[in-house]
Structures are given as C-alpha cells and as structure tokens.
Protein backbone atom coordinates (compact mmCIF):
# COMPACT_ATOMS: atom_id res chain seq x y z
CA UNK A 1 -8.39 -10.53 -4.60
CA UNK A 2 -10.96 -12.95 -5.93
CA UNK A 3 -12.78 -9.74 -6.98
CA UNK A 4 -9.45 -8.73 -8.94
CA UNK A 5 -9.22 -12.17 -10.40
CA UNK A 6 -12.85 -12.23 -11.31
CA UNK A 7 -12.65 -9.05 -13.36
CA UNK A 8 -9.34 -10.16 -14.82
CA UNK A 9 -10.66 -13.33 -16.11
CA UNK A 10 -13.19 -11.26 -18.52
CA UNK A 11 -10.89 -8.59 -19.51
CA UNK A 12 -7.54 -9.92 -19.43
CA UNK A 13 -5.00 -7.48 -19.72
CA UNK A 14 -7.10 -4.54 -20.84
CA UNK A 15 -6.04 -1.37 -18.75
CA UNK A 16 -8.18 -0.80 -15.79
CA UNK A 17 -8.79 1.90 -13.44
CA UNK A 18 -8.43 0.39 -9.57
CA UNK A 19 -9.25 2.30 -6.37
CA UNK A 20 -6.63 1.35 -3.56
CA UNK A 21 -5.70 2.75 -0.16
CA UNK A 22 -2.45 2.26 1.73
CA UNK A 23 -1.24 4.13 4.72
CA UNK A 24 1.97 5.31 6.53
CA UNK A 25 2.60 3.89 9.91
CA UNK A 26 5.29 6.29 11.59
CA UNK A 27 7.27 5.02 14.83
CA UNK A 28 8.52 7.06 17.66
CA UNK A 29 12.22 7.90 15.64
CA UNK A 30 10.11 9.43 12.87
CA UNK A 31 10.64 6.14 10.83
CA UNK A 32 8.37 4.82 8.34
CA UNK A 33 7.19 1.43 7.87
CA UNK A 34 7.56 -0.37 4.52
CA UNK A 35 6.92 -3.71 3.13
CA UNK A 36 9.13 -5.69 0.77
CA UNK A 37 6.77 -6.85 -1.75
CA UNK A 38 6.57 -10.47 -2.98
CA UNK A 39 5.68 -10.06 -6.24
CA UNK A 40 8.57 -7.80 -7.31
CA UNK A 41 10.97 -7.56 -4.29
CA UNK A 42 10.49 -3.84 -4.35
CA UNK A 43 9.11 -1.80 -1.50
CA UNK A 44 6.14 0.27 -0.93
CA UNK A 45 3.72 1.32 1.70
CA UNK A 46 1.37 -1.62 3.10
CA UNK A 47 -1.93 -1.28 0.91
CA UNK A 48 -3.89 -2.54 -1.79
CA UNK A 49 -6.83 -2.69 -3.74
CA UNK A 50 -10.39 -2.01 -2.59
CA UNK A 51 -12.74 -5.04 -2.14
CA UNK A 52 -16.45 -4.70 -3.62
CA UNK A 53 -18.23 -2.89 -0.70
CA UNK A 54 -15.31 -1.55 1.15
CA UNK A 55 -14.60 2.09 2.01
CA UNK A 56 -11.17 3.66 1.59
CA UNK A 57 -10.89 3.07 5.28
CA UNK A 58 -11.66 -0.43 5.76
CA UNK A 59 -9.26 -1.27 2.54
CA UNK A 60 -6.27 0.42 4.66
CA UNK A 61 -7.15 -1.40 7.68
CA UNK A 62 -7.75 -4.86 6.08
CA UNK A 63 -4.49 -4.31 3.99
CA UNK A 64 -2.28 -3.18 6.51
CA UNK A 65 -3.15 -6.27 8.83
CA UNK A 66 -2.32 -8.68 5.41
CA UNK A 67 0.75 -6.98 4.53
CA UNK A 68 2.29 -6.09 7.94
CA UNK A 69 0.44 -7.98 10.37
CA UNK A 70 -0.60 -4.72 12.07
CA UNK A 71 -4.03 -3.64 13.28
CA UNK A 72 -4.26 0.11 12.53
CA UNK A 73 -6.79 2.94 12.22
CA UNK A 74 -6.52 5.61 9.75
CA UNK A 75 -6.00 8.80 11.34
CA UNK A 76 -5.79 11.42 8.36
CA UNK A 77 -6.00 11.45 4.72
CA UNK A 78 -2.96 12.68 3.25
CA UNK A 79 -3.59 12.25 -0.50
CA UNK A 80 -5.60 10.95 -3.34
CA UNK A 81 -3.40 10.11 -6.32
CA UNK A 82 -4.90 9.91 -9.46
CA UNK A 83 -2.47 10.18 -12.06
CA UNK A 84 -0.12 7.00 -12.07
CA UNK A 85 -0.03 4.16 -14.10
CA UNK A 86 1.68 1.00 -14.11
CA UNK A 87 1.93 -2.50 -15.76
CA UNK A 88 2.55 -5.56 -13.68
CA UNK A 89 5.34 -8.30 -14.67
CA UNK A 90 2.31 -10.46 -16.16
CA UNK A 91 1.10 -7.37 -18.20
CA UNK A 92 -1.87 -6.33 -16.53
CA UNK A 93 -2.31 -2.54 -16.73
CA UNK A 94 -3.97 -0.31 -14.16
CA UNK A 95 -4.33 3.27 -13.17
CA UNK A 96 -4.53 3.15 -9.54
CA UNK A 97 -6.71 5.64 -7.73
CA UNK A 98 -5.10 5.50 -4.13
CA UNK A 99 -6.21 7.04 -0.87
CA UNK A 100 -2.99 7.35 1.28
CA UNK A 101 -3.46 7.68 4.91
CA UNK A 102 -1.45 8.37 8.01
CA UNK A 103 -2.29 5.78 10.24
CA UNK A 104 -1.93 4.57 13.65
CA UNK A 105 -1.26 1.44 15.36
CA UNK A 106 -4.23 -0.04 17.68
CA UNK A 107 -2.78 -3.29 18.70
CA UNK A 108 0.71 -3.83 19.79
CA UNK A 109 0.28 -7.75 18.84
CA UNK A 110 1.69 -8.40 15.50
CA UNK A 111 0.73 -11.23 13.56
CA UNK A 112 2.07 -13.24 10.13
CA UNK A 113 1.75 -11.31 7.35
CA UNK A 114 0.74 -12.85 4.09
CA UNK A 115 4.07 -14.29 2.56
CA UNK A 116 2.32 -14.37 -0.92
CA UNK A 117 2.28 -10.39 -0.70
CA UNK A 118 4.97 -9.49 1.81
CA UNK A 119 8.65 -10.81 2.34
CA UNK A 120 9.48 -8.67 5.08
CA UNK A 121 8.57 -5.38 6.84
CA UNK A 122 11.01 -2.73 7.87
CA UNK A 123 11.15 0.74 9.29
CA UNK A 124 13.19 3.21 7.32
CA UNK A 125 14.57 6.58 8.39
CA UNK A 126 13.50 9.53 6.24
CA UNK A 127 16.96 10.12 4.67
CA UNK A 128 17.10 6.21 3.59
CA UNK A 129 14.58 5.71 0.72
CA UNK A 130 14.61 2.24 -0.68
CA UNK A 131 13.82 1.29 -4.46
CA UNK A 132 9.85 1.43 -4.52
CA UNK A 133 7.80 -0.59 -6.07
CA UNK A 134 6.26 1.97 -8.58
CA UNK A 135 6.53 6.01 -8.98
CA UNK A 136 2.92 6.13 -6.92
CA UNK A 137 5.20 4.68 -3.68
CA UNK A 138 7.56 7.05 -4.44
CA UNK A 139 5.47 10.00 -4.43
CA UNK A 140 3.67 8.74 -1.44
CA UNK A 141 7.11 8.68 0.39
CA UNK A 142 7.76 12.32 -0.62
CA UNK A 143 4.23 13.14 1.06
CA UNK A 144 5.12 11.68 4.23
CA UNK A 145 8.78 13.42 4.26
CA UNK A 146 7.11 16.51 3.65
CA UNK A 147 4.74 16.16 6.63
CA UNK A 148 7.25 15.02 8.94
CA UNK A 149 10.22 17.02 8.29
C-alpha cells in the first residue's frame, strides 16, 4: 500500500494503469468466498494491487491473507482482465489489469483479516450474487460460474 500512496502523492487523481491479482476460493458445496469491502461496503473477490517486485501469484497469496485471513496457493489462472475502468470514491481513477486465479486453501487455520480492507467474508452460492464492488468483479463472478456449472 505504501507504493500506491507514494505514487498517488506524485500524480494525484490522474488515471493510472495498475496491476492486481485476485482469487476464487471454492468450498466443497461449490460456494465462492467473497469479502465485504471496508471502503465501499460492496462485495468482491479477495485480491488487490501488486507491490513492486511481486508476481501475480505472490500478490494473490498476500492479498488473500490480508483480505480474508486465509493462506492460499494459486491453482490455475482463469482470466486476465484489462478493459475495465474504475473511479474510487476519493476520485482516484484506475484501469486495473487483473489476474484472476482459482486458489486452494493450504492451511485450515484462519487468521484475522485487515479491518481497514474487509468488513466480513462469506461464502456465496452461485445463484446468489451480491452487489459487487465494480464491473470487473461481476465479470469474475461470471467466469467462476461458467467454470463451476
């Protein structure tokens, strides 16, 4: 996060291309884990922006632990999204280039997630899509639905 704050201090709200990674964790009932975001109150897949020097795989592992308190391992790259745009409530504009992975839990011990990023986590069945954070997350939901159904 320090990387993004430092970058924003230099460019303000100027539109940026940002790289990110997120993951879909599916339980034995074919339900998908989502996080309720602290910044908007909407739902999305655990994930976030890459820190300098990270790979997409490193990013999804770190972000999943921060957002959901779960240690995961990427299993398969499902989709690269590069045609979405988003303006945050504070005016920051981004084009997030996102690597969306199917992930598996590698440790059953759940730790606390960052309350500044996540209000709660919950598994959703494929027929009960919540209000998503942005269009990119809705498209990721459709991707995982297509794979699991």
